[in-house]
Amino acid sequence: MTSDMRYVIDWLISARRERMAKVTITVEAATDAYGPEETAKLLGKGIATIWRWIRDGKIIAVRVGGRTFIPKQEIERLKKQDLPESEDG
């Protein structure tokens, strides 16, 4: 492999890593995070809205072992915002 090819490969890998960068949130215990259903109840929204917000990146969710959790600080942040009305609750 030539040095030019290696440079291009390294550049592509670093560019991909930058695009894939994620926000890191530390969840200390199960009491620091809620499932989507609990989050919906706490925010007074429908479960479909919560899943849509997760998909759209409005809520930061943590996936652990196939389960989805929303950190407590995310719910507190959303409670402080003026949340729009949704069609499902």
PDB file of N, CA and C in Angstrom:
ATOM      1  N   MET A   1       0.856  -1.168   0.000  1.00  0.00           N
ATOM      2  CA  MET A   1       0.000   0.000   0.000  1.00  0.00           C
ATOM      3  C   MET A   1       0.905   1.236   0.000  1.00  0.00           C
ATOM      4  N   THR A   2       0.582   2.163  -0.858  1.00  0.00           N
ATOM      5  CA  THR A   2       1.395   3.377  -0.934  1.00  0.00           C
ATOM      6  C   THR A   2       1.040   4.321   0.196  1.00  0.00           C
ATOM      7  N   SER A   3       1.921   5.262   0.446  1.00  0.00           N
ATOM      8  CA  SER A   3       1.667   6.226   1.521  1.00  0.00           C
ATOM      9  C   SER A   3       0.476   7.119   1.180  1.00  0.00           C
ATOM     10  N   ASP A   4       0.263   7.405  -0.098  1.00  0.00           N
ATOM     11  CA  ASP A   4      -0.899   8.206  -0.487  1.00  0.00           C
ATOM     12  C   ASP A   4      -2.199   7.476  -0.190  1.00  0.00           C
ATOM     13  N   MET A   5      -2.219   6.180  -0.490  1.00  0.00           N
ATOM     14  CA  MET A   5      -3.423   5.389  -0.210  1.00  0.00           C
ATOM     15  C   MET A   5      -3.664   5.324   1.293  1.00  0.00           C
ATOM     16  N   ARG A   6      -2.606   5.139   2.054  1.00  0.00           N
ATOM     17  CA  ARG A   6      -2.738   5.065   3.515  1.00  0.00           C
ATOM     18  C   ARG A   6      -3.280   6.381   4.068  1.00  0.00           C
ATOM     19  N   TYR A   7      -2.795   7.503   3.512  1.00  0.00           N
ATOM     20  CA  TYR A   7      -3.274   8.815   3.944  1.00  0.00           C
ATOM     21  C   TYR A   7      -4.765   8.953   3.685  1.00  0.00           C
ATOM     22  N   VAL A   8      -5.223   8.542   2.519  1.00  0.00           N
ATOM     23  CA  VAL A   8      -6.649   8.644   2.171  1.00  0.00           C
ATOM     24  C   VAL A   8      -7.485   7.762   3.091  1.00  0.00           C
ATOM     25  N   ILE A   9      -7.024   6.543   3.338  1.00  0.00           N
ATOM     26  CA  ILE A   9      -7.755   5.636   4.222  1.00  0.00           C
ATOM     27  C   ILE A   9      -7.835   6.218   5.632  1.00  0.00           C
ATOM     28  N   ASP A  10      -6.726   6.721   6.152  1.00  0.00           N
ATOM     29  CA  ASP A  10      -6.722   7.333   7.485  1.00  0.00           C
ATOM     30  C   ASP A  10      -7.670   8.528   7.543  1.00  0.00           C
ATOM     31  N   TRP A  11      -7.667   9.326   6.486  1.00  0.00           N
ATOM     32  CA  TRP A  11      -8.547  10.492   6.450  1.00  0.00           C
ATOM     33  C   TRP A  11     -10.011  10.064   6.448  1.00  0.00           C
ATOM     34  N   LEU A  12     -10.354   9.044   5.651  1.00  0.00           N
ATOM     35  CA  LEU A  12     -11.738   8.556   5.610  1.00  0.00           C
ATOM     36  C   LEU A  12     -12.176   8.011   6.963  1.00  0.00           C
ATOM     37  N   ILE A  13     -11.301   7.287   7.629  1.00  0.00           N
ATOM     38  CA  ILE A  13     -11.631   6.734   8.947  1.00  0.00           C
ATOM     39  C   ILE A  13     -11.856   7.858   9.956  1.00  0.00           C
ATOM     40  N   SER A  14     -10.982   8.856   9.962  1.00  0.00           N
ATOM     41  CA  SER A  14     -11.146   9.946  10.927  1.00  0.00           C
ATOM     42  C   SER A  14     -12.399  10.762  10.624  1.00  0.00           C
ATOM     43  N   ALA A  15     -12.713  10.972   9.351  1.00  0.00           N
ATOM     44  CA  ALA A  15     -13.924  11.713   8.995  1.00  0.00           C
ATOM     45  C   ALA A  15     -15.162  10.949   9.445  1.00  0.00           C
ATOM     46  N   ARG A  16     -15.137   9.645   9.279  1.00  0.00           N
ATOM     47  CA  ARG A  16     -16.274   8.826   9.709  1.00  0.00           C
ATOM     48  C   ARG A  16     -16.436   8.882  11.224  1.00  0.00           C
ATOM     49  N   ARG A  17     -15.343   8.816  11.950  1.00  0.00           N
ATOM     50  CA  ARG A  17     -15.417   8.883  13.417  1.00  0.00           C
ATOM     51  C   ARG A  17     -16.015  10.210  13.875  1.00  0.00           C
ATOM     52  N   GLU A  18     -15.648  11.284  13.210  1.00  0.00           N
ATOM     53  CA  GLU A  18     -16.187  12.594  13.582  1.00  0.00           C
ATOM     54  C   GLU A  18     -17.692  12.644  13.353  1.00  0.00           C
ATOM     55  N   ARG A  19     -18.166  12.096  12.253  1.00  0.00           N
ATOM     56  CA  ARG A  19     -19.606  12.092  11.968  1.00  0.00           C
ATOM     57  C   ARG A  19     -20.355  11.209  12.943  1.00  0.00           C
ATOM     58  N   MET A  20     -19.700  10.165  13.420  1.00  0.00           N
ATOM     59  CA  MET A  20     -20.357   9.213  14.307  1.00  0.00           C
ATOM     60  C   MET A  20     -20.229   9.583  15.778  1.00  0.00           C
ATOM     61  N   ALA A  21     -19.606  10.707  16.072  1.00  0.00           N
ATOM     62  CA  ALA A  21     -19.413  11.106  17.466  1.00  0.00           C
ATOM     63  C   ALA A  21     -20.762  11.183  18.174  1.00  0.00           C
ATOM     64  N   LYS A  22     -20.812  10.662  19.349  1.00  0.00           N
ATOM     65  CA  LYS A  22     -22.041  10.642  20.141  1.00  0.00           C
ATOM     66  C   LYS A  22     -21.839  11.442  21.416  1.00  0.00           C
ATOM     67  N   VAL A  23     -22.930  11.903  21.962  1.00  0.00           N
ATOM     68  CA  VAL A  23     -22.897  12.586  23.246  1.00  0.00           C
ATOM     69  C   VAL A  23     -22.820  11.520  24.326  1.00  0.00           C
ATOM     70  N   THR A  24     -21.955  11.703  25.286  1.00  0.00           N
ATOM     71  CA  THR A  24     -21.802  10.740  26.372  1.00  0.00           C
ATOM     72  C   THR A  24     -22.534  11.245  27.594  1.00  0.00           C
ATOM     73  N   ILE A  25     -23.409  10.405  28.111  1.00  0.00           N
ATOM     74  CA  ILE A  25     -24.145  10.716  29.331  1.00  0.00           C
ATOM     75  C   ILE A  25     -23.901   9.570  30.298  1.00  0.00           C
ATOM     76  N   THR A  26     -23.523   9.895  31.500  1.00  0.00           N
ATOM     77  CA  THR A  26     -23.283   8.875  32.506  1.00  0.00           C
ATOM     78  C   THR A  26     -24.572   8.621  33.273  1.00  0.00           C
ATOM     79  N   VAL A  27     -24.970   7.376  33.323  1.00  0.00           N
ATOM     80  CA  VAL A  27     -26.147   6.980  34.088  1.00  0.00           C
ATOM     81  C   VAL A  27     -25.625   6.176  35.269  1.00  0.00           C
ATOM     82  N   GLU A  28     -25.771   6.742  36.451  1.00  0.00           N
ATOM     83  CA  GLU A  28     -25.207   6.136  37.653  1.00  0.00           C
ATOM     84  C   GLU A  28     -25.982   4.906  38.127  1.00  0.00           C
ATOM     85  N   ALA A  29     -27.299   4.945  38.014  1.00  0.00           N
ATOM     86  CA  ALA A  29     -28.112   3.833  38.490  1.00  0.00           C
ATOM     87  C   ALA A  29     -29.416   3.815  37.718  1.00  0.00           C
ATOM     88  N   ALA A  30     -30.185   2.778  37.921  1.00  0.00           N
ATOM     89  CA  ALA A  30     -31.462   2.656  37.224  1.00  0.00           C
ATOM     90  C   ALA A  30     -32.397   3.810  37.565  1.00  0.00           C
ATOM     91  N   THR A  31     -32.213   4.425  38.723  1.00  0.00           N
ATOM     92  CA  THR A  31     -33.079   5.538  39.111  1.00  0.00           C
ATOM     93  C   THR A  31     -32.746   6.811  38.342  1.00  0.00           C
ATOM     94  N   ASP A  32     -31.623   6.811  37.608  1.00  0.00           N
ATOM     95  CA  ASP A  32     -31.213   7.977  36.832  1.00  0.00           C
ATOM     96  C   ASP A  32     -31.748   7.952  35.404  1.00  0.00           C
ATOM     97  N   ALA A  33     -32.528   6.924  35.058  1.00  0.00           N
ATOM     98  CA  ALA A  33     -33.033   6.820  33.697  1.00  0.00           C
ATOM     99  C   ALA A  33     -34.418   6.177  33.715  1.00  0.00           C
ATOM    100  N   TYR A  34     -35.199   6.497  32.697  1.00  0.00           N
ATOM    101  CA  TYR A  34     -36.560   5.986  32.573  1.00  0.00           C
ATOM    102  C   TYR A  34     -36.742   5.357  31.205  1.00  0.00           C
ATOM    103  N   GLY A  35     -37.665   4.416  31.124  1.00  0.00           N
ATOM    104  CA  GLY A  35     -38.028   3.836  29.840  1.00  0.00           C
ATOM    105  C   GLY A  35     -38.906   4.812  29.067  1.00  0.00           C
ATOM    106  N   PRO A  36     -39.129   4.551  27.787  1.00  0.00           N
ATOM    107  CA  PRO A  36     -39.974   5.442  26.976  1.00  0.00           C
ATOM    108  C   PRO A  36     -41.394   5.602  27.528  1.00  0.00           C
ATOM    109  N   GLU A  37     -41.960   4.534  28.067  1.00  0.00           N
ATOM    110  CA  GLU A  37     -43.320   4.625  28.609  1.00  0.00           C
ATOM    111  C   GLU A  37     -43.378   5.555  29.819  1.00  0.00           C
ATOM    112  N   GLU A  38     -42.414   5.398  30.733  1.00  0.00           N
ATOM    113  CA  GLU A  38     -42.359   6.275  31.909  1.00  0.00           C
ATOM    114  C   GLU A  38     -42.115   7.721  31.496  1.00  0.00           C
ATOM    115  N   THR A  39     -41.239   7.903  30.502  1.00  0.00           N
ATOM    116  CA  THR A  39     -40.940   9.246  30.005  1.00  0.00           C
ATOM    117  C   THR A  39     -42.198   9.902  29.444  1.00  0.00           C
ATOM    118  N   ALA A  40     -42.968   9.139  28.693  1.00  0.00           N
ATOM    119  CA  ALA A  40     -44.218   9.666  28.123  1.00  0.00           C
ATOM    120  C   ALA A  40     -45.151  10.152  29.232  1.00  0.00           C
ATOM    121  N   LYS A  41     -45.284   9.369  30.283  1.00  0.00           N
ATOM    122  CA  LYS A  41     -46.145   9.761  31.406  1.00  0.00           C
ATOM    123  C   LYS A  41     -45.616  11.013  32.107  1.00  0.00           C
ATOM    124  N   LEU A  42     -44.304  11.052  32.342  1.00  0.00           N
ATOM    125  CA  LEU A  42     -43.711  12.200  33.032  1.00  0.00           C
ATOM    126  C   LEU A  42     -43.863  13.495  32.241  1.00  0.00           C
ATOM    127  N   LEU A  43     -43.806  13.390  30.913  1.00  0.00           N
ATOM    128  CA  LEU A  43     -43.898  14.582  30.069  1.00  0.00           C
ATOM    129  C   LEU A  43     -45.317  14.860  29.590  1.00  0.00           C
ATOM    130  N   GLY A  44     -46.246  13.944  29.881  1.00  0.00           N
ATOM    131  CA  GLY A  44     -47.625  14.128  29.446  1.00  0.00           C
ATOM    132  C   GLY A  44     -47.776  13.996  27.932  1.00  0.00           C
ATOM    133  N   LYS A  45     -46.986  13.127  27.336  1.00  0.00           N
ATOM    134  CA  LYS A  45     -47.007  12.908  25.893  1.00  0.00           C
ATOM    135  C   LYS A  45     -47.317  11.449  25.606  1.00  0.00           C
ATOM    136  N   GLY A  46     -47.647  11.164  24.374  1.00  0.00           N
ATOM    137  CA  GLY A  46     -47.895   9.791  23.966  1.00  0.00           C
ATOM    138  C   GLY A  46     -46.591   9.058  23.703  1.00  0.00           C
ATOM    139  N   ILE A  47     -46.659   7.739  23.806  1.00  0.00           N
ATOM    140  CA  ILE A  47     -45.466   6.925  23.593  1.00  0.00           C
ATOM    141  C   ILE A  47     -44.938   7.075  22.164  1.00  0.00           C
ATOM    142  N   ALA A  48     -45.833   7.234  21.193  1.00  0.00           N
ATOM    143  CA  ALA A  48     -45.395   7.414  19.799  1.00  0.00           C
ATOM    144  C   ALA A  48     -44.579   8.701  19.653  1.00  0.00           C
ATOM    145  N   THR A  49     -44.973   9.736  20.382  1.00  0.00           N
ATOM    146  CA  THR A  49     -44.227  11.002  20.342  1.00  0.00           C
ATOM    147  C   THR A  49     -42.828  10.813  20.902  1.00  0.00           C
ATOM    148  N   ILE A  50     -42.711  10.087  22.008  1.00  0.00           N
ATOM    149  CA  ILE A  50     -41.403   9.847  22.619  1.00  0.00           C
ATOM    150  C   ILE A  50     -40.499   9.083  21.655  1.00  0.00           C
ATOM    151  N   TRP A  51     -41.005   8.030  21.026  1.00  0.00           N
ATOM    152  CA  TRP A  51     -40.199   7.272  20.069  1.00  0.00           C
ATOM    153  C   TRP A  51     -39.809   8.140  18.870  1.00  0.00           C
ATOM    154  N   ARG A  52     -40.714   8.981  18.419  1.00  0.00           N
ATOM    155  CA  ARG A  52     -40.404   9.883  17.292  1.00  0.00           C
ATOM    156  C   ARG A  52     -39.315  10.864  17.687  1.00  0.00           C
ATOM    157  N   TRP A  53     -39.401  11.415  18.903  1.00  0.00           N
ATOM    158  CA  TRP A  53     -38.388  12.355  19.367  1.00  0.00           C
ATOM    159  C   TRP A  53     -37.027  11.666  19.492  1.00  0.00           C
ATOM    160  N   ILE A  54     -37.015  10.407  19.938  1.00  0.00           N
ATOM    161  CA  ILE A  54     -35.763   9.657  20.009  1.00  0.00           C
ATOM    162  C   ILE A  54     -35.203   9.489  18.598  1.00  0.00           C
ATOM    163  N   ARG A  55     -36.049   9.062  17.672  1.00  0.00           N
ATOM    164  CA  ARG A  55     -35.619   8.858  16.281  1.00  0.00           C
ATOM    165  C   ARG A  55     -35.092  10.145  15.652  1.00  0.00           C
ATOM    166  N   ASP A  56     -35.770  11.263  15.949  1.00  0.00           N
ATOM    167  CA  ASP A  56     -35.395  12.552  15.360  1.00  0.00           C
ATOM    168  C   ASP A  56     -34.245  13.242  16.100  1.00  0.00           C
ATOM    169  N   GLY A  57     -33.808  12.668  17.217  1.00  0.00           N
ATOM    170  CA  GLY A  57     -32.688  13.240  17.956  1.00  0.00           C
ATOM    171  C   GLY A  57     -33.080  14.353  18.925  1.00  0.00           C
ATOM    172  N   LYS A  58     -34.366  14.540  19.158  1.00  0.00           N
ATOM    173  CA  LYS A  58     -34.800  15.564  20.104  1.00  0.00           C
ATOM    174  C   LYS A  58     -34.550  15.121  21.549  1.00  0.00           C
ATOM    175  N   ILE A  59     -34.596  13.819  21.771  1.00  0.00           N
ATOM    176  CA  ILE A  59     -34.300  13.236  23.080  1.00  0.00           C
ATOM    177  C   ILE A  59     -33.067  12.362  22.914  1.00  0.00           C
ATOM    178  N   ILE A  60     -32.128  12.492  23.829  1.00  0.00           N
ATOM    179  CA  ILE A  60     -30.961  11.616  23.836  1.00  0.00           C
ATOM    180  C   ILE A  60     -31.342  10.361  24.606  1.00  0.00           C
ATOM    181  N   ALA A  61     -31.258   9.226  23.945  1.00  0.00           N
ATOM    182  CA  ALA A  61     -31.599   7.956  24.571  1.00  0.00           C
ATOM    183  C   ALA A  61     -30.356   7.088  24.661  1.00  0.00           C
ATOM    184  N   VAL A  62     -30.346   6.210  25.650  1.00  0.00           N
ATOM    185  CA  VAL A  62     -29.247   5.283  25.859  1.00  0.00           C
ATOM    186  C   VAL A  62     -29.797   3.885  25.636  1.00  0.00           C
ATOM    187  N   ARG A  63     -29.121   3.106  24.825  1.00  0.00           N
ATOM    188  CA  ARG A  63     -29.552   1.734  24.575  1.00  0.00           C
ATOM    189  C   ARG A  63     -28.594   0.791  25.289  1.00  0.00           C
ATOM    190  N   VAL A  64     -29.180  -0.066  26.135  1.00  0.00           N
ATOM    191  CA  VAL A  64     -28.391  -1.025  26.907  1.00  0.00           C
ATOM    192  C   VAL A  64     -29.069  -2.384  26.790  1.00  0.00           C
ATOM    193  N   GLY A  65     -28.357  -3.329  26.247  1.00  0.00           N
ATOM    194  CA  GLY A  65     -28.887  -4.689  26.154  1.00  0.00           C
ATOM    195  C   GLY A  65     -30.237  -4.774  25.469  1.00  0.00           C
ATOM    196  N   GLY A  66     -30.443  -4.003  24.434  1.00  0.00           N
ATOM    197  CA  GLY A  66     -31.701  -4.040  23.698  1.00  0.00           C
ATOM    198  C   GLY A  66     -32.815  -3.211  24.316  1.00  0.00           C
ATOM    199  N   ARG A  67     -32.547  -2.582  25.437  1.00  0.00           N
ATOM    200  CA  ARG A  67     -33.554  -1.727  26.093  1.00  0.00           C
ATOM    201  C   ARG A  67     -33.157  -0.272  25.912  1.00  0.00           C
ATOM    202  N   THR A  68     -34.160   0.581  25.850  1.00  0.00           N
ATOM    203  CA  THR A  68     -33.931   2.012  25.658  1.00  0.00           C
ATOM    204  C   THR A  68     -34.244   2.749  26.945  1.00  0.00           C
ATOM    205  N   PHE A  69     -33.317   3.627  27.342  1.00  0.00           N
ATOM    206  CA  PHE A  69     -33.497   4.437  28.536  1.00  0.00           C
ATOM    207  C   PHE A  69     -33.275   5.901  28.189  1.00  0.00           C
ATOM    208  N   ILE A  70     -34.039   6.763  28.846  1.00  0.00           N
ATOM    209  CA  ILE A  70     -33.870   8.207  28.701  1.00  0.00           C
ATOM    210  C   ILE A  70     -33.340   8.718  30.034  1.00  0.00           C
ATOM    211  N   PRO A  71     -32.157   9.320  30.030  1.00  0.00           N
ATOM    212  CA  PRO A  71     -31.584   9.816  31.282  1.00  0.00           C
ATOM    213  C   PRO A  71     -32.465  10.882  31.938  1.00  0.00           C
ATOM    214  N   LYS A  72     -32.435  10.886  33.253  1.00  0.00           N
ATOM    215  CA  LYS A  72     -33.227  11.822  34.040  1.00  0.00           C
ATOM    216  C   LYS A  72     -32.954  13.272  33.634  1.00  0.00           C
ATOM    217  N   GLN A  73     -31.688  13.611  33.353  1.00  0.00           N
ATOM    218  CA  GLN A  73     -31.368  14.994  32.989  1.00  0.00           C
ATOM    219  C   GLN A  73     -32.000  15.396  31.658  1.00  0.00           C
ATOM    220  N   GLU A  74     -32.237  14.423  30.772  1.00  0.00           N
ATOM    221  CA  GLU A  74     -32.929  14.722  29.512  1.00  0.00           C
ATOM    222  C   GLU A  74     -34.390  15.071  29.772  1.00  0.00           C
ATOM    223  N   ILE A  75     -35.019  14.332  30.658  1.00  0.00           N
ATOM    224  CA  ILE A  75     -36.420  14.596  30.994  1.00  0.00           C
ATOM    225  C   ILE A  75     -36.538  15.952  31.668  1.00  0.00           C
ATOM    226  N   GLU A  76     -35.613  16.262  32.568  1.00  0.00           N
ATOM    227  CA  GLU A  76     -35.629  17.568  33.234  1.00  0.00           C
ATOM    228  C   GLU A  76     -35.440  18.694  32.224  1.00  0.00           C
ATOM    229  N   ARG A  77     -34.556  18.480  31.248  1.00  0.00           N
ATOM    230  CA  ARG A  77     -34.333  19.487  30.208  1.00  0.00           C
ATOM    231  C   ARG A  77     -35.603  19.723  29.395  1.00  0.00           C
ATOM    232  N   LEU A  78     -36.290  18.645  29.044  1.00  0.00           N
ATOM    233  CA  LEU A  78     -37.511  18.770  28.256  1.00  0.00           C
ATOM    234  C   LEU A  78     -38.644  19.407  29.053  1.00  0.00           C
ATOM    235  N   LYS A  79     -38.693  19.131  30.343  1.00  0.00           N
ATOM    236  CA  LYS A  79     -39.721  19.751  31.186  1.00  0.00           C
ATOM    237  C   LYS A  79     -39.557  21.266  31.240  1.00  0.00           C
ATOM    238  N   LYS A  80     -38.313  21.734  31.173  1.00  0.00           N
ATOM    239  CA  LYS A  80     -38.051  23.175  31.216  1.00  0.00           C
ATOM    240  C   LYS A  80     -38.406  23.855  29.902  1.00  0.00           C
ATOM    241  N   GLN A  81     -38.405  23.102  28.812  1.00  0.00           N
ATOM    242  CA  GLN A  81     -38.740  23.658  27.502  1.00  0.00           C
ATOM    243  C   GLN A  81     -40.244  23.754  27.350  1.00  0.00           C
ATOM    244  N   ASP A  82     -40.668  24.615  26.456  1.00  0.00           N
ATOM    245  CA  ASP A  82     -42.078  24.702  26.108  1.00  0.00           C
ATOM    246  C   ASP A  82     -42.347  23.647  25.051  1.00  0.00           C
ATOM    247  N   LEU A  83     -42.847  22.497  25.472  1.00  0.00           N
ATOM    248  CA  LEU A  83     -43.025  21.386  24.549  1.00  0.00           C
ATOM    249  C   LEU A  83     -44.247  21.623  23.664  1.00  0.00           C
ATOM    250  N   PRO A  84     -44.120  21.315  22.368  1.00  0.00           N
ATOM    251  CA  PRO A  84     -45.256  21.471  21.466  1.00  0.00           C
ATOM    252  C   PRO A  84     -46.311  20.422  21.737  1.00  0.00           C
ATOM    253  N   GLU A  85     -47.531  20.738  21.390  1.00  0.00           N
ATOM    254  CA  GLU A  85     -48.611  19.765  21.506  1.00  0.00           C
ATOM    255  C   GLU A  85     -48.404  18.694  20.444  1.00  0.00           C
ATOM    256  N   SER A  86     -48.789  17.485  20.750  1.00  0.00           N
ATOM    257  CA  SER A  86     -48.648  16.413  19.767  1.00  0.00           C
ATOM    258  C   SER A  86     -50.015  15.829  19.482  1.00  0.00           C
ATOM    259  N   GLU A  87     -50.097  15.111  18.390  1.00  0.00           N
ATOM    260  CA  GLU A  87     -51.379  14.557  17.982  1.00  0.00           C
ATOM    261  C   GLU A  87     -51.781  13.359  18.805  1.00  0.00           C
ATOM    262  N   ASP A  88     -50.818  12.748  19.547  1.00  0.00           N
ATOM    263  CA  ASP A  88     -51.171  11.555  20.301  1.00  0.00           C
ATOM    264  C   ASP A  88     -51.111  11.756  21.818  1.00  0.00           C
ATOM    265  N   GLY A  89     -51.074  12.958  22.264  1.00  0.00           N
ATOM    266  CA  GLY A  89     -51.174  13.159  23.685  1.00  0.00           C
ATOM    267  C   GLY A  89     -50.081  13.947  24.251  1.00  0.00           C
TER     268      GLY A  89
END
